[in-house]
C-alpha atoms as a PDB file:
ATOM      1  CA  MET A   1      18.539  15.998   6.526  1.00  0.00           C
ATOM      2  CA  SER A   2      20.726  13.116   5.458  1.00  0.00           C
ATOM      3  CA  VAL A   3      19.576  10.205   3.334  1.00  0.00           C
ATOM      4  CA  GLU A   4      20.064   7.898   6.305  1.00  0.00           C
ATOM      5  CA  VAL A   5      17.670   9.953   8.436  1.00  0.00           C
ATOM      6  CA  PHE A   6      15.231  10.196   5.513  1.00  0.00           C
ATOM      7  CA  PHE A   7      14.936   6.406   5.410  1.00  0.00           C
ATOM      8  CA  SER A   8      15.360   5.521   9.091  1.00  0.00           C
ATOM      9  CA  SER A   9      12.652   7.978  10.130  1.00  0.00           C
ATOM     10  CA  GLY A  10      10.177   6.424   7.708  1.00  0.00           C
ATOM     11  CA  LEU A  11       9.774   9.625   5.692  1.00  0.00           C
ATOM     12  CA  ALA A  12      10.704   7.845   2.466  1.00  0.00           C
ATOM     13  CA  ILE A  13       7.814   5.425   2.920  1.00  0.00           C
ATOM     14  CA  ASP A  14       5.490   8.276   3.909  1.00  0.00           C
ATOM     15  CA  LEU A  15       6.328  10.002   0.636  1.00  0.00           C
ATOM     16  CA  VAL A  16       5.586   6.851  -1.368  1.00  0.00           C
ATOM     17  CA  LEU A  17       2.276   6.397   0.479  1.00  0.00           C
ATOM     18  CA  ILE A  18       1.304   9.985  -0.336  1.00  0.00           C
ATOM     19  CA  PHE A  19       1.945   9.345  -4.031  1.00  0.00           C
ATOM     20  CA  VAL A  20      -0.086   6.136  -3.914  1.00  0.00           C
ATOM     21  CA  ALA A  21      -2.982   8.005  -2.267  1.00  0.00           C
ATOM     22  CA  LEU A  22      -2.768  10.725  -4.929  1.00  0.00           C
ATOM     23  CA  GLU A  23      -2.804   8.079  -7.648  1.00  0.00           C
ATOM     24  CA  VAL A  24      -5.948   6.479  -6.232  1.00  0.00           C
ATOM     25  CA  LEU A  25      -7.620   9.899  -5.941  1.00  0.00           C
ATOM     26  CA  VAL A  26      -6.815  10.703  -9.567  1.00  0.00           C
ATOM     27  CA  LEU A  27      -8.182   7.342 -10.664  1.00  0.00           C
ATOM     28  CA  ALA A  28     -11.307   7.909  -8.565  1.00  0.00           C
ATOM     29  CA  PHE A  29     -12.080  11.296 -10.074  1.00  0.00           C
ATOM     30  CA  ILE A  30     -10.992  10.640 -13.669  1.00  0.00           C
ATOM     31  CA  PRO A  31     -12.679   7.342 -14.560  1.00  0.00           C
ATOM     32  CA  ARG A  32     -11.374   7.228 -18.144  1.00  0.00           C
ATOM     33  CA  LEU A  33      -7.832   6.754 -16.747  1.00  0.00           C
ATOM     34  CA  ARG A  34      -9.003   3.535 -15.037  1.00  0.00           C
ATOM     35  CA  GLY A  35     -10.150   2.031 -18.286  1.00  0.00           C
ATOM     36  CA  SER A  36     -12.413  -0.918 -17.521  1.00  0.00           C
ATOM     37  CA  MET A  37     -11.294  -1.185 -13.887  1.00  0.00           C
ATOM     38  CA  THR A  38     -13.714  -0.312 -11.102  1.00  0.00           C
ATOM     39  CA  LEU A  39     -12.654   1.528  -7.967  1.00  0.00           C
ATOM     40  CA  LEU A  40     -12.887  -1.792  -6.119  1.00  0.00           C
ATOM     41  CA  ASP A  41     -10.397  -3.264  -8.628  1.00  0.00           C
ATOM     42  CA  VAL A  42      -8.006  -0.377  -8.055  1.00  0.00           C
ATOM     43  CA  THR A  43      -8.388  -0.636  -4.294  1.00  0.00           C
ATOM     44  CA  SER A  44      -7.786  -4.379  -4.239  1.00  0.00           C
ATOM     45  CA  LEU A  45      -4.601  -3.840  -6.240  1.00  0.00           C
ATOM     46  CA  VAL A  46      -3.280  -1.059  -4.008  1.00  0.00           C
ATOM     47  CA  VAL A  47      -4.130  -2.307  -0.518  1.00  0.00           C
ATOM     48  CA  PRO A  48      -1.610  -5.196  -0.323  1.00  0.00           C
ATOM     49  CA  GLY A  49       1.180  -2.886  -1.437  1.00  0.00           C
ATOM     50  CA  VAL A  50       0.175  -0.263   1.111  1.00  0.00           C
ATOM     51  CA  PHE A  51       0.319  -2.868   3.874  1.00  0.00           C
ATOM     52  CA  LEU A  52       3.759  -3.983   2.679  1.00  0.00           C
ATOM     53  CA  MET A  53       4.984  -0.387   2.705  1.00  0.00           C
ATOM     54  CA  LEU A  54       3.635   0.024   6.233  1.00  0.00           C
ATOM     55  CA  ALA A  55       5.509  -3.146   7.243  1.00  0.00           C
ATOM     56  CA  ILE A  56       8.719  -1.718   5.788  1.00  0.00           C
ATOM     57  CA  ARG A  57       8.098   1.566   7.574  1.00  0.00           C
ATOM     58  CA  SER A  58       7.571  -0.183  10.897  1.00  0.00           C
ATOM     59  CA  ALA A  59      10.802  -2.159  10.425  1.00  0.00           C
ATOM     60  CA  LEU A  60      12.774   0.961   9.456  1.00  0.00           C
ATOM     61  CA  THR A  61      11.532   2.900  12.473  1.00  0.00           C
ATOM     62  CA  SER A  62      12.300   0.081  14.935  1.00  0.00           C
ATOM     63  CA  ALA A  63       8.650  -0.437  15.820  1.00  0.00           C
ATOM     64  CA  PRO A  64       7.787  -3.594  17.750  1.00  0.00           C
ATOM     65  CA  TYR A  65       8.158  -6.687  15.578  1.00  0.00           C
ATOM     66  CA  THR A  66       4.509  -7.504  16.206  1.00  0.00           C
ATOM     67  CA  MET A  67       3.479  -4.392  14.287  1.00  0.00           C
ATOM     68  CA  THR A  68       5.564  -5.463  11.307  1.00  0.00           C
ATOM     69  CA  ALA A  69       4.045  -8.948  11.523  1.00  0.00           C
ATOM     70  CA  VAL A  70       0.505  -7.526  11.623  1.00  0.00           C
ATOM     71  CA  PHE A  71       1.151  -5.447   8.495  1.00  0.00           C
ATOM     72  CA  MET A  72       2.702  -8.426   6.698  1.00  0.00           C
ATOM     73  CA  THR A  73      -0.277 -10.599   7.616  1.00  0.00           C
ATOM     74  CA  ALA A  74      -2.693  -7.910   6.453  1.00  0.00           C
ATOM     75  CA  ALA A  75      -0.797  -7.672   3.149  1.00  0.00           C
ATOM     76  CA  PHE A  76      -1.078 -11.426   2.657  1.00  0.00           C
ATOM     77  CA  ALA A  77      -4.776 -11.508   3.564  1.00  0.00           C
ATOM     78  CA  SER A  78      -5.618  -8.593   1.273  1.00  0.00           C
ATOM     79  CA  HIS A  79      -3.630 -10.204  -1.527  1.00  0.00           C
ATOM     80  CA  LEU A  80      -5.612 -13.431  -1.111  1.00  0.00           C
ATOM     81  CA  TRP A  81      -8.824 -11.369  -1.192  1.00  0.00           C
ATOM     82  CA  ASP A  82      -7.710  -9.757  -4.456  1.00  0.00           C
ATOM     83  CA  VAL A  83      -6.815 -13.113  -6.006  1.00  0.00           C
ATOM     84  CA  ALA A  84     -10.181 -14.603  -4.925  1.00  0.00           C
ATOM     85  CA  ARG A  85     -12.040 -11.621  -6.425  1.00  0.00           C
ATOM     86  CA  ARG A  86     -10.201 -12.021  -9.728  1.00  0.00           C
ATOM     87  CA  ARG A  87     -10.850 -15.763  -9.916  1.00  0.00           C
ATOM     88  CA  ARG A  88     -14.579 -15.169  -9.516  1.00  0.00           C
ATOM     89  CA  ALA A  89     -14.599 -12.571 -12.290  1.00  0.00           C
END
């Protein structure tokens, strides 16, 4: 498999998403690695990035532009949610 196929098929993003999921699982099961962060804190940090990676994946795989727009909008909304949560804290 060439590097071009690796990226254009979305496999590169899939690999990154797997590592992000593994990171969240490790943080969920080993609380001392989170420090003072709760699982909700970790989730609110990760979700916008996951949506951005899904937007990149949809663009790389020539998905309909509406799918990319939905993921970008979800990333923005989840980022605003995270910022609002932090301001309250």
